[in-house]
Amino acid sequence: MVMKVERLTISIPSDLLKLADEIAKEKKISRSKVVSSCLQEMAQKRLEERMAEGYRKMAKESLAFAHEAMNLGKETLPEWK
């Protein structure tokens, strides 16, 4: 998939710029690719956190539904003997 690339001018602390340059040199990639990769990792982590929260919320709702169903069953079904 070809993505449109935009230009961006940013200001970052000099120690982070030095780190970005070191990573770029080690991996033989551009500074832009270093920054893009970091943002992609952050976006993936954000997505995973949101999905985990959604799963936790669904689990609570499912548990509440199960309890309610059990209570309704106790009210409407004869006791098993």
PDB file of N, CA and C in Angstrom:
ATOM      1  N   MET A   1       0.846  -1.178   0.000  1.00  0.00           N
ATOM      2  CA  MET A   1       0.000   0.000   0.000  1.00  0.00           C
ATOM      3  C   MET A   1       0.895   1.245   0.000  1.00  0.00           C
ATOM      4  N   VAL A   2       0.680   2.121  -0.953  1.00  0.00           N
ATOM      5  CA  VAL A   2       1.438   3.360  -1.065  1.00  0.00           C
ATOM      6  C   VAL A   2       0.718   4.438  -0.272  1.00  0.00           C
ATOM      7  N   MET A   3       1.458   5.043   0.637  1.00  0.00           N
ATOM      8  CA  MET A   3       0.864   6.087   1.470  1.00  0.00           C
ATOM      9  C   MET A   3       1.437   7.441   1.052  1.00  0.00           C
ATOM     10  N   LYS A   4       0.587   8.439   1.075  1.00  0.00           N
ATOM     11  CA  LYS A   4       1.027   9.793   0.797  1.00  0.00           C
ATOM     12  C   LYS A   4       1.930  10.254   1.937  1.00  0.00           C
ATOM     13  N   VAL A   5       3.031  10.853   1.591  1.00  0.00           N
ATOM     14  CA  VAL A   5       3.996  11.327   2.583  1.00  0.00           C
ATOM     15  C   VAL A   5       3.884  12.839   2.682  1.00  0.00           C
ATOM     16  N   GLU A   6       3.843  13.330   3.909  1.00  0.00           N
ATOM     17  CA  GLU A   6       3.765  14.763   4.173  1.00  0.00           C
ATOM     18  C   GLU A   6       5.073  15.235   4.810  1.00  0.00           C
ATOM     19  N   ARG A   7       5.420  16.477   4.572  1.00  0.00           N
ATOM     20  CA  ARG A   7       6.599  17.067   5.223  1.00  0.00           C
ATOM     21  C   ARG A   7       6.164  17.686   6.548  1.00  0.00           C
ATOM     22  N   LEU A   8       7.075  17.619   7.516  1.00  0.00           N
ATOM     23  CA  LEU A   8       6.781  18.129   8.846  1.00  0.00           C
ATOM     24  C   LEU A   8       8.054  18.707   9.441  1.00  0.00           C
ATOM     25  N   THR A   9       7.933  19.855  10.045  1.00  0.00           N
ATOM     26  CA  THR A   9       9.061  20.442  10.745  1.00  0.00           C
ATOM     27  C   THR A   9       8.739  20.379  12.233  1.00  0.00           C
ATOM     28  N   ILE A  10       9.630  19.747  12.994  1.00  0.00           N
ATOM     29  CA  ILE A  10       9.394  19.620  14.423  1.00  0.00           C
ATOM     30  C   ILE A  10      10.624  20.075  15.197  1.00  0.00           C
ATOM     31  N   SER A  11      10.422  20.351  16.456  1.00  0.00           N
ATOM     32  CA  SER A  11      11.521  20.670  17.364  1.00  0.00           C
ATOM     33  C   SER A  11      11.533  19.608  18.452  1.00  0.00           C
ATOM     34  N   ILE A  12      12.700  19.017  18.667  1.00  0.00           N
ATOM     35  CA  ILE A  12      12.834  18.010  19.723  1.00  0.00           C
ATOM     36  C   ILE A  12      14.110  18.289  20.509  1.00  0.00           C
ATOM     37  N   PRO A  13      14.178  17.806  21.741  1.00  0.00           N
ATOM     38  CA  PRO A  13      15.396  17.992  22.528  1.00  0.00           C
ATOM     39  C   PRO A  13      16.612  17.380  21.809  1.00  0.00           C
ATOM     40  N   SER A  14      17.763  17.995  21.997  1.00  0.00           N
ATOM     41  CA  SER A  14      18.963  17.566  21.282  1.00  0.00           C
ATOM     42  C   SER A  14      19.356  16.125  21.604  1.00  0.00           C
ATOM     43  N   ASP A  15      19.076  15.670  22.836  1.00  0.00           N
ATOM     44  CA  ASP A  15      19.429  14.287  23.164  1.00  0.00           C
ATOM     45  C   ASP A  15      18.568  13.293  22.384  1.00  0.00           C
ATOM     46  N   LEU A  16      17.318  13.648  22.122  1.00  0.00           N
ATOM     47  CA  LEU A  16      16.461  12.769  21.319  1.00  0.00           C
ATOM     48  C   LEU A  16      16.877  12.787  19.846  1.00  0.00           C
ATOM     49  N   LEU A  17      17.311  13.950  19.370  1.00  0.00           N
ATOM     50  CA  LEU A  17      17.806  14.028  17.999  1.00  0.00           C
ATOM     51  C   LEU A  17      19.045  13.155  17.842  1.00  0.00           C
ATOM     52  N   LYS A  18      19.925  13.217  18.834  1.00  0.00           N
ATOM     53  CA  LYS A  18      21.133  12.385  18.795  1.00  0.00           C
ATOM     54  C   LYS A  18      20.752  10.906  18.794  1.00  0.00           C
ATOM     55  N   LEU A  19      19.799  10.546  19.616  1.00  0.00           N
ATOM     56  CA  LEU A  19      19.338   9.160  19.664  1.00  0.00           C
ATOM     57  C   LEU A  19      18.724   8.740  18.328  1.00  0.00           C
ATOM     58  N   ALA A  20      17.905   9.618  17.749  1.00  0.00           N
ATOM     59  CA  ALA A  20      17.299   9.318  16.452  1.00  0.00           C
ATOM     60  C   ALA A  20      18.384   9.104  15.392  1.00  0.00           C
ATOM     61  N   ASP A  21      19.406   9.930  15.420  1.00  0.00           N
ATOM     62  CA  ASP A  21      20.504   9.769  14.471  1.00  0.00           C
ATOM     63  C   ASP A  21      21.248   8.450  14.684  1.00  0.00           C
ATOM     64  N   GLU A  22      21.465   8.087  15.941  1.00  0.00           N
ATOM     65  CA  GLU A  22      22.141   6.820  16.238  1.00  0.00           C
ATOM     66  C   GLU A  22      21.319   5.632  15.740  1.00  0.00           C
ATOM     67  N   ILE A  23      20.019   5.666  16.010  1.00  0.00           N
ATOM     68  CA  ILE A  23      19.134   4.577  15.562  1.00  0.00           C
ATOM     69  C   ILE A  23      19.105   4.517  14.041  1.00  0.00           C
ATOM     70  N   ALA A  24      19.011   5.676  13.401  1.00  0.00           N
ATOM     71  CA  ALA A  24      18.981   5.722  11.940  1.00  0.00           C
ATOM     72  C   ALA A  24      20.261   5.120  11.355  1.00  0.00           C
ATOM     73  N   LYS A  25      21.381   5.457  11.955  1.00  0.00           N
ATOM     74  CA  LYS A  25      22.662   4.936  11.471  1.00  0.00           C
ATOM     75  C   LYS A  25      22.742   3.421  11.682  1.00  0.00           C
ATOM     76  N   GLU A  26      22.351   2.952  12.882  1.00  0.00           N
ATOM     77  CA  GLU A  26      22.393   1.520  13.185  1.00  0.00           C
ATOM     78  C   GLU A  26      21.518   0.715  12.226  1.00  0.00           C
ATOM     79  N   LYS A  27      20.331   1.226  11.960  1.00  0.00           N
ATOM     80  CA  LYS A  27      19.358   0.492  11.142  1.00  0.00           C
ATOM     81  C   LYS A  27      19.442   0.844   9.660  1.00  0.00           C
ATOM     82  N   LYS A  28      20.321   1.800   9.342  1.00  0.00           N
ATOM     83  CA  LYS A  28      20.490   2.255   7.960  1.00  0.00           C
ATOM     84  C   LYS A  28      19.160   2.743   7.363  1.00  0.00           C
ATOM     85  N   ILE A  29      18.502   3.603   8.143  1.00  0.00           N
ATOM     86  CA  ILE A  29      17.249   4.219   7.702  1.00  0.00           C
ATOM     87  C   ILE A  29      17.340   5.721   7.947  1.00  0.00           C
ATOM     88  N   SER A  30      16.386   6.457   7.443  1.00  0.00           N
ATOM     89  CA  SER A  30      16.382   7.912   7.620  1.00  0.00           C
ATOM     90  C   SER A  30      15.817   8.306   8.980  1.00  0.00           C
ATOM     91  N   ARG A  31      16.076   9.534   9.368  1.00  0.00           N
ATOM     92  CA  ARG A  31      15.456  10.081  10.586  1.00  0.00           C
ATOM     93  C   ARG A  31      13.933  10.006  10.472  1.00  0.00           C
ATOM     94  N   SER A  32      13.436  10.330   9.301  1.00  0.00           N
ATOM     95  CA  SER A  32      11.988  10.301   9.092  1.00  0.00           C
ATOM     96  C   SER A  32      11.428   8.918   9.362  1.00  0.00           C
ATOM     97  N   LYS A  33      12.141   7.885   8.910  1.00  0.00           N
ATOM     98  CA  LYS A  33      11.686   6.512   9.140  1.00  0.00           C
ATOM     99  C   LYS A  33      11.744   6.180  10.631  1.00  0.00           C
ATOM    100  N   VAL A  34      12.745   6.685  11.338  1.00  0.00           N
ATOM    101  CA  VAL A  34      12.833   6.462  12.791  1.00  0.00           C
ATOM    102  C   VAL A  34      11.609   7.061  13.472  1.00  0.00           C
ATOM    103  N   VAL A  35      11.286   8.294  13.146  1.00  0.00           N
ATOM    104  CA  VAL A  35      10.139   8.975  13.755  1.00  0.00           C
ATOM    105  C   VAL A  35       8.846   8.274  13.358  1.00  0.00           C
ATOM    106  N   SER A  36       8.709   7.921  12.088  1.00  0.00           N
ATOM    107  CA  SER A  36       7.508   7.221  11.625  1.00  0.00           C
ATOM    108  C   SER A  36       7.331   5.898  12.345  1.00  0.00           C
ATOM    109  N   SER A  37       8.418   5.155  12.504  1.00  0.00           N
ATOM    110  CA  SER A  37       8.357   3.861  13.193  1.00  0.00           C
ATOM    111  C   SER A  37       7.922   4.028  14.648  1.00  0.00           C
ATOM    112  N   CYS A  38       8.458   5.047  15.301  1.00  0.00           N
ATOM    113  CA  CYS A  38       8.067   5.308  16.691  1.00  0.00           C
ATOM    114  C   CYS A  38       6.579   5.647  16.782  1.00  0.00           C
ATOM    115  N   LEU A  39       6.109   6.470  15.879  1.00  0.00           N
ATOM    116  CA  LEU A  39       4.690   6.830  15.878  1.00  0.00           C
ATOM    117  C   LEU A  39       3.817   5.621  15.577  1.00  0.00           C
ATOM    118  N   GLN A  40       4.261   4.766  14.661  1.00  0.00           N
ATOM    119  CA  GLN A  40       3.495   3.552  14.354  1.00  0.00           C
ATOM    120  C   GLN A  40       3.420   2.645  15.577  1.00  0.00           C
ATOM    121  N   GLU A  41       4.530   2.515  16.307  1.00  0.00           N
ATOM    122  CA  GLU A  41       4.528   1.705  17.529  1.00  0.00           C
ATOM    123  C   GLU A  41       3.589   2.289  18.572  1.00  0.00           C
ATOM    124  N   MET A  42       3.602   3.616  18.723  1.00  0.00           N
ATOM    125  CA  MET A  42       2.704   4.267  19.676  1.00  0.00           C
ATOM    126  C   MET A  42       1.244   4.070  19.274  1.00  0.00           C
ATOM    127  N   ALA A  43       0.972   4.167  17.965  1.00  0.00           N
ATOM    128  CA  ALA A  43      -0.395   3.982  17.484  1.00  0.00           C
ATOM    129  C   ALA A  43      -0.855   2.543  17.741  1.00  0.00           C
ATOM    130  N   GLN A  44       0.028   1.576  17.525  1.00  0.00           N
ATOM    131  CA  GLN A  44      -0.323   0.174  17.765  1.00  0.00           C
ATOM    132  C   GLN A  44      -0.590  -0.065  19.258  1.00  0.00           C
ATOM    133  N   LYS A  45       0.260   0.495  20.108  1.00  0.00           N
ATOM    134  CA  LYS A  45       0.073   0.350  21.555  1.00  0.00           C
ATOM    135  C   LYS A  45      -1.251   0.986  21.988  1.00  0.00           C
ATOM    136  N   ARG A  46      -1.546   2.149  21.442  1.00  0.00           N
ATOM    137  CA  ARG A  46      -2.801   2.844  21.759  1.00  0.00           C
ATOM    138  C   ARG A  46      -4.005   1.982  21.353  1.00  0.00           C
ATOM    139  N   LEU A  47      -3.942   1.406  20.158  1.00  0.00           N
ATOM    140  CA  LEU A  47      -5.016   0.544  19.685  1.00  0.00           C
ATOM    141  C   LEU A  47      -5.186  -0.664  20.600  1.00  0.00           C
ATOM    142  N   GLU A  48      -4.068  -1.298  20.966  1.00  0.00           N
ATOM    143  CA  GLU A  48      -4.125  -2.467  21.841  1.00  0.00           C
ATOM    144  C   GLU A  48      -4.704  -2.120  23.210  1.00  0.00           C
ATOM    145  N   GLU A  49      -4.335  -0.950  23.747  1.00  0.00           N
ATOM    146  CA  GLU A  49      -4.877  -0.507  25.039  1.00  0.00           C
ATOM    147  C   GLU A  49      -6.381  -0.283  24.946  1.00  0.00           C
ATOM    148  N   ARG A  50      -6.813   0.341  23.858  1.00  0.00           N
ATOM    149  CA  ARG A  50      -8.246   0.583  23.673  1.00  0.00           C
ATOM    150  C   ARG A  50      -9.016  -0.725  23.499  1.00  0.00           C
ATOM    151  N   MET A  51      -8.419  -1.669  22.771  1.00  0.00           N
ATOM    152  CA  MET A  51      -9.075  -2.964  22.582  1.00  0.00           C
ATOM    153  C   MET A  51      -9.163  -3.710  23.911  1.00  0.00           C
ATOM    154  N   ALA A  52      -8.093  -3.674  24.700  1.00  0.00           N
ATOM    155  CA  ALA A  52      -8.096  -4.345  25.997  1.00  0.00           C
ATOM    156  C   ALA A  52      -9.170  -3.748  26.901  1.00  0.00           C
ATOM    157  N   GLU A  53      -9.296  -2.430  26.884  1.00  0.00           N
ATOM    158  CA  GLU A  53     -10.329  -1.772  27.686  1.00  0.00           C
ATOM    159  C   GLU A  53     -11.711  -2.195  27.217  1.00  0.00           C
ATOM    160  N   GLY A  54     -11.887  -2.276  25.912  1.00  0.00           N
ATOM    161  CA  GLY A  54     -13.168  -2.721  25.372  1.00  0.00           C
ATOM    162  C   GLY A  54     -13.489  -4.147  25.791  1.00  0.00           C
ATOM    163  N   TYR A  55     -12.473  -5.021  25.759  1.00  0.00           N
ATOM    164  CA  TYR A  55     -12.685  -6.411  26.171  1.00  0.00           C
ATOM    165  C   TYR A  55     -13.045  -6.487  27.656  1.00  0.00           C
ATOM    166  N   ARG A  56     -12.363  -5.663  28.474  1.00  0.00           N
ATOM    167  CA  ARG A  56     -12.689  -5.647  29.909  1.00  0.00           C
ATOM    168  C   ARG A  56     -14.127  -5.186  30.130  1.00  0.00           C
ATOM    169  N   LYS A  57     -14.520  -4.164  29.393  1.00  0.00           N
ATOM    170  CA  LYS A  57     -15.884  -3.639  29.521  1.00  0.00           C
ATOM    171  C   LYS A  57     -16.903  -4.696  29.089  1.00  0.00           C
ATOM    172  N   MET A  58     -16.623  -5.361  27.968  1.00  0.00           N
ATOM    173  CA  MET A  58     -17.527  -6.412  27.490  1.00  0.00           C
ATOM    174  C   MET A  58     -17.604  -7.562  28.489  1.00  0.00           C
ATOM    175  N   ALA A  59     -16.486  -7.893  29.120  1.00  0.00           N
ATOM    176  CA  ALA A  59     -16.482  -8.979  30.099  1.00  0.00           C
ATOM    177  C   ALA A  59     -17.391  -8.632  31.277  1.00  0.00           C
ATOM    178  N   LYS A  60     -17.317  -7.386  31.738  1.00  0.00           N
ATOM    179  CA  LYS A  60     -18.181  -6.949  32.834  1.00  0.00           C
ATOM    180  C   LYS A  60     -19.653  -7.019  32.432  1.00  0.00           C
ATOM    181  N   GLU A  61     -19.933  -6.569  31.212  1.00  0.00           N
ATOM    182  CA  GLU A  61     -21.314  -6.610  30.736  1.00  0.00           C
ATOM    183  C   GLU A  61     -21.801  -8.051  30.579  1.00  0.00           C
ATOM    184  N   SER A  62     -20.940  -8.921  30.078  1.00  0.00           N
ATOM    185  CA  SER A  62     -21.322 -10.328  29.907  1.00  0.00           C
ATOM    186  C   SER A  62     -21.570 -10.992  31.256  1.00  0.00           C
ATOM    187  N   LEU A  63     -20.735 -10.674  32.234  1.00  0.00           N
ATOM    188  CA  LEU A  63     -20.921 -11.233  33.567  1.00  0.00           C
ATOM    189  C   LEU A  63     -22.231 -10.748  34.180  1.00  0.00           C
ATOM    190  N   ALA A  64     -22.507  -9.468  34.029  1.00  0.00           N
ATOM    191  CA  ALA A  64     -23.764  -8.916  34.549  1.00  0.00           C
ATOM    192  C   ALA A  64     -24.953  -9.581  33.869  1.00  0.00           C
ATOM    193  N   PHE A  65     -24.875  -9.801  32.567  1.00  0.00           N
ATOM    194  CA  PHE A  65     -25.947 -10.464  31.835  1.00  0.00           C
ATOM    195  C   PHE A  65     -26.129 -11.900  32.334  1.00  0.00           C
ATOM    196  N   ALA A  66     -25.030 -12.597  32.559  1.00  0.00           N
ATOM    197  CA  ALA A  66     -25.109 -13.983  33.040  1.00  0.00           C
ATOM    198  C   ALA A  66     -25.776 -14.043  34.413  1.00  0.00           C
ATOM    199  N   HIS A  67     -25.410 -13.116  35.291  1.00  0.00           N
ATOM    200  CA  HIS A  67     -26.042 -13.083  36.618  1.00  0.00           C
ATOM    201  C   HIS A  67     -27.542 -12.813  36.506  1.00  0.00           C
ATOM    202  N   GLU A  68     -27.888 -11.880  35.658  1.00  0.00           N
ATOM    203  CA  GLU A  68     -29.293 -11.548  35.476  1.00  0.00           C
ATOM    204  C   GLU A  68     -30.061 -12.740  34.909  1.00  0.00           C
ATOM    205  N   ALA A  69     -29.462 -13.424  33.943  1.00  0.00           N
ATOM    206  CA  ALA A  69     -30.109 -14.597  33.356  1.00  0.00           C
ATOM    207  C   ALA A  69     -30.295 -15.696  34.405  1.00  0.00           C
ATOM    208  N   MET A  70     -29.298 -15.875  35.261  1.00  0.00           N
ATOM    209  CA  MET A  70     -29.417 -16.884  36.319  1.00  0.00           C
ATOM    210  C   MET A  70     -30.540 -16.528  37.277  1.00  0.00           C
ATOM    211  N   ASN A  71     -30.623 -15.264  37.640  1.00  0.00           N
ATOM    212  CA  ASN A  71     -31.681 -14.826  38.549  1.00  0.00           C
ATOM    213  C   ASN A  71     -33.058 -15.011  37.929  1.00  0.00           C
ATOM    214  N   LEU A  72     -33.181 -14.676  36.665  1.00  0.00           N
ATOM    215  CA  LEU A  72     -34.459 -14.877  35.980  1.00  0.00           C
ATOM    216  C   LEU A  72     -34.801 -16.362  35.890  1.00  0.00           C
ATOM    217  N   GLY A  73     -33.793 -17.173  35.639  1.00  0.00           N
ATOM    218  CA  GLY A  73     -34.011 -18.613  35.568  1.00  0.00           C
ATOM    219  C   GLY A  73     -34.487 -19.171  36.899  1.00  0.00           C
ATOM    220  N   LYS A  74     -33.933 -18.680  37.979  1.00  0.00           N
ATOM    221  CA  LYS A  74     -34.338 -19.134  39.309  1.00  0.00           C
ATOM    222  C   LYS A  74     -35.792 -18.762  39.593  1.00  0.00           C
ATOM    223  N   GLU A  75     -36.196 -17.597  39.077  1.00  0.00           N
ATOM    224  CA  GLU A  75     -37.559 -17.125  39.310  1.00  0.00           C
ATOM    225  C   GLU A  75     -38.592 -17.884  38.469  1.00  0.00           C
ATOM    226  N   THR A  76     -38.200 -18.299  37.285  1.00  0.00           N
ATOM    227  CA  THR A  76     -39.183 -18.860  36.352  1.00  0.00           C
ATOM    228  C   THR A  76     -39.118 -20.374  36.187  1.00  0.00           C
ATOM    229  N   LEU A  77     -37.988 -20.977  36.494  1.00  0.00           N
ATOM    230  CA  LEU A  77     -37.846 -22.418  36.306  1.00  0.00           C
ATOM    231  C   LEU A  77     -37.987 -23.146  37.646  1.00  0.00           C
ATOM    232  N   PRO A  78     -38.562 -24.323  37.616  1.00  0.00           N
ATOM    233  CA  PRO A  78     -38.651 -25.082  38.867  1.00  0.00           C
ATOM    234  C   PRO A  78     -37.254 -25.532  39.312  1.00  0.00           C
ATOM    235  N   GLU A  79     -37.097 -25.690  40.596  1.00  0.00           N
ATOM    236  CA  GLU A  79     -35.813 -26.121  41.135  1.00  0.00           C
ATOM    237  C   GLU A  79     -35.502 -27.537  40.665  1.00  0.00           C
ATOM    238  N   TRP A  80     -34.263 -27.780  40.277  1.00  0.00           N
ATOM    239  CA  TRP A  80     -33.820 -29.090  39.796  1.00  0.00           C
ATOM    240  C   TRP A  80     -33.642 -30.023  40.973  1.00  0.00           C
ATOM    241  N   LYS A  81     -34.238 -31.200  40.889  1.00  0.00           N
ATOM    242  CA  LYS A  81     -34.108 -32.169  41.989  1.00  0.00           C
ATOM    243  C   LYS A  81     -33.574 -33.468  41.497  1.00  0.00           C
TER     244      LYS A  81
END
